[in-house]
Amino acid sequence: MPNKNLMAGSASMMVLGLIYREDMYGYQITEELKKRSDETFNIKAGTLYPILHSLEKSGYVTSYEKVFSGKLRKYYSITDEGAKEYDRQKSEWTDFFKAVSKVLN
């Protein structure tokens, strides 16, 4: 299980990355994050929704409601600014990872 401090620093980037690929609703985000990380990242609703609200407040995502299988769900969609922010964070994280790897290897 990863250090919670490492997770906290990259959680919004990972959420943006998932929404970058397709619009998603909250539970779908948690399940996709868990699946793509081989269950390493098991983010709870109490952690996810503040991240989504912060991203929405920053203008990086928007939300809309849609009925799916008879249930009303709130979907999140990345904005153009959110896509730019995701690319920026991903690049920054990649550079950091490369530098740490050089030190450790």
C-alpha atoms as a PDB file:
ATOM      1  CA  MET A   1       0.000   0.000   0.000  1.00  0.00           C
ATOM      2  CA  PRO A   2       1.435   3.385  -0.971  1.00  0.00           C
ATOM      3  CA  ASN A   3       2.290   6.089   1.528  1.00  0.00           C
ATOM      4  CA  LYS A   4      -0.762   8.322   2.079  1.00  0.00           C
ATOM      5  CA  ASN A   5       1.357  11.442   1.522  1.00  0.00           C
ATOM      6  CA  LEU A   6       2.393  10.166  -1.907  1.00  0.00           C
ATOM      7  CA  MET A   7      -1.248   9.403  -2.733  1.00  0.00           C
ATOM      8  CA  ALA A   8      -2.436  12.827  -1.563  1.00  0.00           C
ATOM      9  CA  GLY A   9       0.030  14.567  -3.843  1.00  0.00           C
ATOM     10  CA  SER A  10      -1.092  12.693  -6.933  1.00  0.00           C
ATOM     11  CA  ALA A  11      -4.791  11.951  -6.316  1.00  0.00           C
ATOM     12  CA  SER A  12      -6.171  14.944  -8.204  1.00  0.00           C
ATOM     13  CA  MET A  13      -3.857  14.219 -11.143  1.00  0.00           C
ATOM     14  CA  MET A  14      -5.049  10.607 -11.285  1.00  0.00           C
ATOM     15  CA  VAL A  15      -8.709  11.678 -11.084  1.00  0.00           C
ATOM     16  CA  LEU A  16      -8.144  14.217 -13.867  1.00  0.00           C
ATOM     17  CA  GLY A  17      -6.389  11.517 -15.895  1.00  0.00           C
ATOM     18  CA  LEU A  18      -9.374   9.198 -15.661  1.00  0.00           C
ATOM     19  CA  ILE A  19     -11.852  11.930 -16.558  1.00  0.00           C
ATOM     20  CA  TYR A  20      -9.536  13.029 -19.389  1.00  0.00           C
ATOM     21  CA  ARG A  21     -10.231   9.693 -21.096  1.00  0.00           C
ATOM     22  CA  GLU A  22     -14.007   9.769 -20.621  1.00  0.00           C
ATOM     23  CA  ASP A  23     -16.738  11.381 -18.550  1.00  0.00           C
ATOM     24  CA  MET A  24     -17.274   9.411 -15.343  1.00  0.00           C
ATOM     25  CA  TYR A  25     -19.430   9.420 -12.224  1.00  0.00           C
ATOM     26  CA  GLY A  26     -17.989   9.112  -8.723  1.00  0.00           C
ATOM     27  CA  TYR A  27     -18.302   5.397  -8.077  1.00  0.00           C
ATOM     28  CA  GLN A  28     -17.002   4.682 -11.575  1.00  0.00           C
ATOM     29  CA  ILE A  29     -13.924   6.795 -10.827  1.00  0.00           C
ATOM     30  CA  THR A  30     -13.167   4.876  -7.614  1.00  0.00           C
ATOM     31  CA  GLU A  31     -13.610   1.511  -9.324  1.00  0.00           C
ATOM     32  CA  GLU A  32     -11.523   2.471 -12.371  1.00  0.00           C
ATOM     33  CA  LEU A  33      -8.742   3.830 -10.162  1.00  0.00           C
ATOM     34  CA  LYS A  34      -8.744   0.625  -8.144  1.00  0.00           C
ATOM     35  CA  LYS A  35      -8.769  -1.547 -11.282  1.00  0.00           C
ATOM     36  CA  ARG A  36      -6.047   0.361 -13.162  1.00  0.00           C
ATOM     37  CA  SER A  37      -3.775   0.341 -10.105  1.00  0.00           C
ATOM     38  CA  ASP A  38      -4.204  -3.390  -9.395  1.00  0.00           C
ATOM     39  CA  GLU A  39      -6.123  -2.357  -6.243  1.00  0.00           C
ATOM     40  CA  THR A  40      -3.244  -0.254  -4.917  1.00  0.00           C
ATOM     41  CA  PHE A  41      -5.408   2.887  -4.864  1.00  0.00           C
ATOM     42  CA  ASN A  42      -8.699   2.357  -3.075  1.00  0.00           C
ATOM     43  CA  ILE A  43      -9.992   5.893  -2.725  1.00  0.00           C
ATOM     44  CA  LYS A  44     -13.063   6.417  -0.542  1.00  0.00           C
ATOM     45  CA  ALA A  45     -15.989   8.715  -1.332  1.00  0.00           C
ATOM     46  CA  GLY A  46     -14.956  10.975   1.561  1.00  0.00           C
ATOM     47  CA  THR A  47     -11.670  11.582  -0.243  1.00  0.00           C
ATOM     48  CA  LEU A  48     -12.915  11.580  -3.838  1.00  0.00           C
ATOM     49  CA  TYR A  49     -15.759  14.092  -3.610  1.00  0.00           C
ATOM     50  CA  PRO A  50     -13.694  16.892  -2.034  1.00  0.00           C
ATOM     51  CA  ILE A  51     -11.172  16.377  -4.864  1.00  0.00           C
ATOM     52  CA  LEU A  52     -13.933  16.553  -7.485  1.00  0.00           C
ATOM     53  CA  HIS A  53     -15.464  19.662  -5.855  1.00  0.00           C
ATOM     54  CA  SER A  54     -12.048  21.337  -5.760  1.00  0.00           C
ATOM     55  CA  LEU A  55     -11.414  20.485  -9.421  1.00  0.00           C
ATOM     56  CA  GLU A  56     -14.842  21.842 -10.315  1.00  0.00           C
ATOM     57  CA  LYS A  57     -14.282  25.037  -8.305  1.00  0.00           C
ATOM     58  CA  SER A  58     -10.947  25.506 -10.112  1.00  0.00           C
ATOM     59  CA  GLY A  59     -12.676  25.173 -13.481  1.00  0.00           C
ATOM     60  CA  TYR A  60     -10.881  21.936 -14.387  1.00  0.00           C
ATOM     61  CA  VAL A  61     -14.027  19.810 -14.503  1.00  0.00           C
ATOM     62  CA  THR A  62     -17.726  20.398 -14.938  1.00  0.00           C
ATOM     63  CA  SER A  63     -20.552  18.159 -13.828  1.00  0.00           C
ATOM     64  CA  TYR A  64     -23.903  17.186 -15.247  1.00  0.00           C
ATOM     65  CA  GLU A  65     -26.619  14.732 -14.327  1.00  0.00           C
ATOM     66  CA  LYS A  66     -27.693  11.849 -16.506  1.00  0.00           C
ATOM     67  CA  VAL A  67     -29.992   8.876 -16.040  1.00  0.00           C
ATOM     68  CA  PHE A  68     -28.208   5.563 -16.481  1.00  0.00           C
ATOM     69  CA  SER A  69     -29.991   2.229 -15.939  1.00  0.00           C
ATOM     70  CA  GLY A  70     -32.836   4.072 -14.260  1.00  0.00           C
ATOM     71  CA  LYS A  71     -30.551   5.903 -11.807  1.00  0.00           C
ATOM     72  CA  LEU A  72     -29.696   9.576 -11.814  1.00  0.00           C
ATOM     73  CA  ARG A  73     -25.910   9.966 -11.721  1.00  0.00           C
ATOM     74  CA  LYS A  74     -23.652  12.986 -11.572  1.00  0.00           C
ATOM     75  CA  TYR A  75     -20.987  12.770 -14.251  1.00  0.00           C
ATOM     76  CA  TYR A  76     -17.771  14.768 -14.381  1.00  0.00           C
ATOM     77  CA  SER A  77     -16.246  16.053 -17.600  1.00  0.00           C
ATOM     78  CA  ILE A  78     -12.822  17.647 -18.066  1.00  0.00           C
ATOM     79  CA  THR A  79     -12.643  21.202 -19.394  1.00  0.00           C
ATOM     80  CA  ASP A  80     -10.008  22.571 -21.766  1.00  0.00           C
ATOM     81  CA  GLU A  81      -8.314  24.183 -18.755  1.00  0.00           C
ATOM     82  CA  GLY A  82      -8.508  20.847 -16.921  1.00  0.00           C
ATOM     83  CA  ALA A  83      -6.828  19.061 -19.829  1.00  0.00           C
ATOM     84  CA  LYS A  84      -4.020  21.635 -19.792  1.00  0.00           C
ATOM     85  CA  GLU A  85      -3.660  21.243 -16.024  1.00  0.00           C
ATOM     86  CA  TYR A  86      -3.593  17.461 -16.332  1.00  0.00           C
ATOM     87  CA  ASP A  87      -0.862  17.656 -18.980  1.00  0.00           C
ATOM     88  CA  ARG A  88       1.114  20.064 -16.771  1.00  0.00           C
ATOM     89  CA  GLN A  89       0.804  17.875 -13.655  1.00  0.00           C
ATOM     90  CA  LYS A  90       1.603  14.704 -15.579  1.00  0.00           C
ATOM     91  CA  SER A  91       4.736  16.275 -17.062  1.00  0.00           C
ATOM     92  CA  GLU A  92       5.824  17.572 -13.664  1.00  0.00           C
ATOM     93  CA  TRP A  93       5.230  14.164 -12.065  1.00  0.00           C
ATOM     94  CA  THR A  94       7.091  12.355 -14.868  1.00  0.00           C
ATOM     95  CA  ASP A  95      10.116  14.643 -14.460  1.00  0.00           C
ATOM     96  CA  PHE A  96      10.056  14.103 -10.683  1.00  0.00           C
ATOM     97  CA  PHE A  97       9.771  10.318 -11.092  1.00  0.00           C
ATOM     98  CA  LYS A  98      12.734  10.250 -13.497  1.00  0.00           C
ATOM     99  CA  ALA A  99      14.880  12.276 -11.088  1.00  0.00           C
ATOM    100  CA  VAL A 100      14.011  10.031  -8.126  1.00  0.00           C
ATOM    101  CA  SER A 101      14.706   6.941 -10.214  1.00  0.00           C
ATOM    102  CA  LYS A 102      18.171   8.266 -11.112  1.00  0.00           C
ATOM    103  CA  VAL A 103      18.961   8.741  -7.437  1.00  0.00           C
ATOM    104  CA  LEU A 104      17.655   5.312  -6.423  1.00  0.00           C
ATOM    105  CA  ASN A 105      19.191   3.309  -9.268  1.00  0.00           C
END
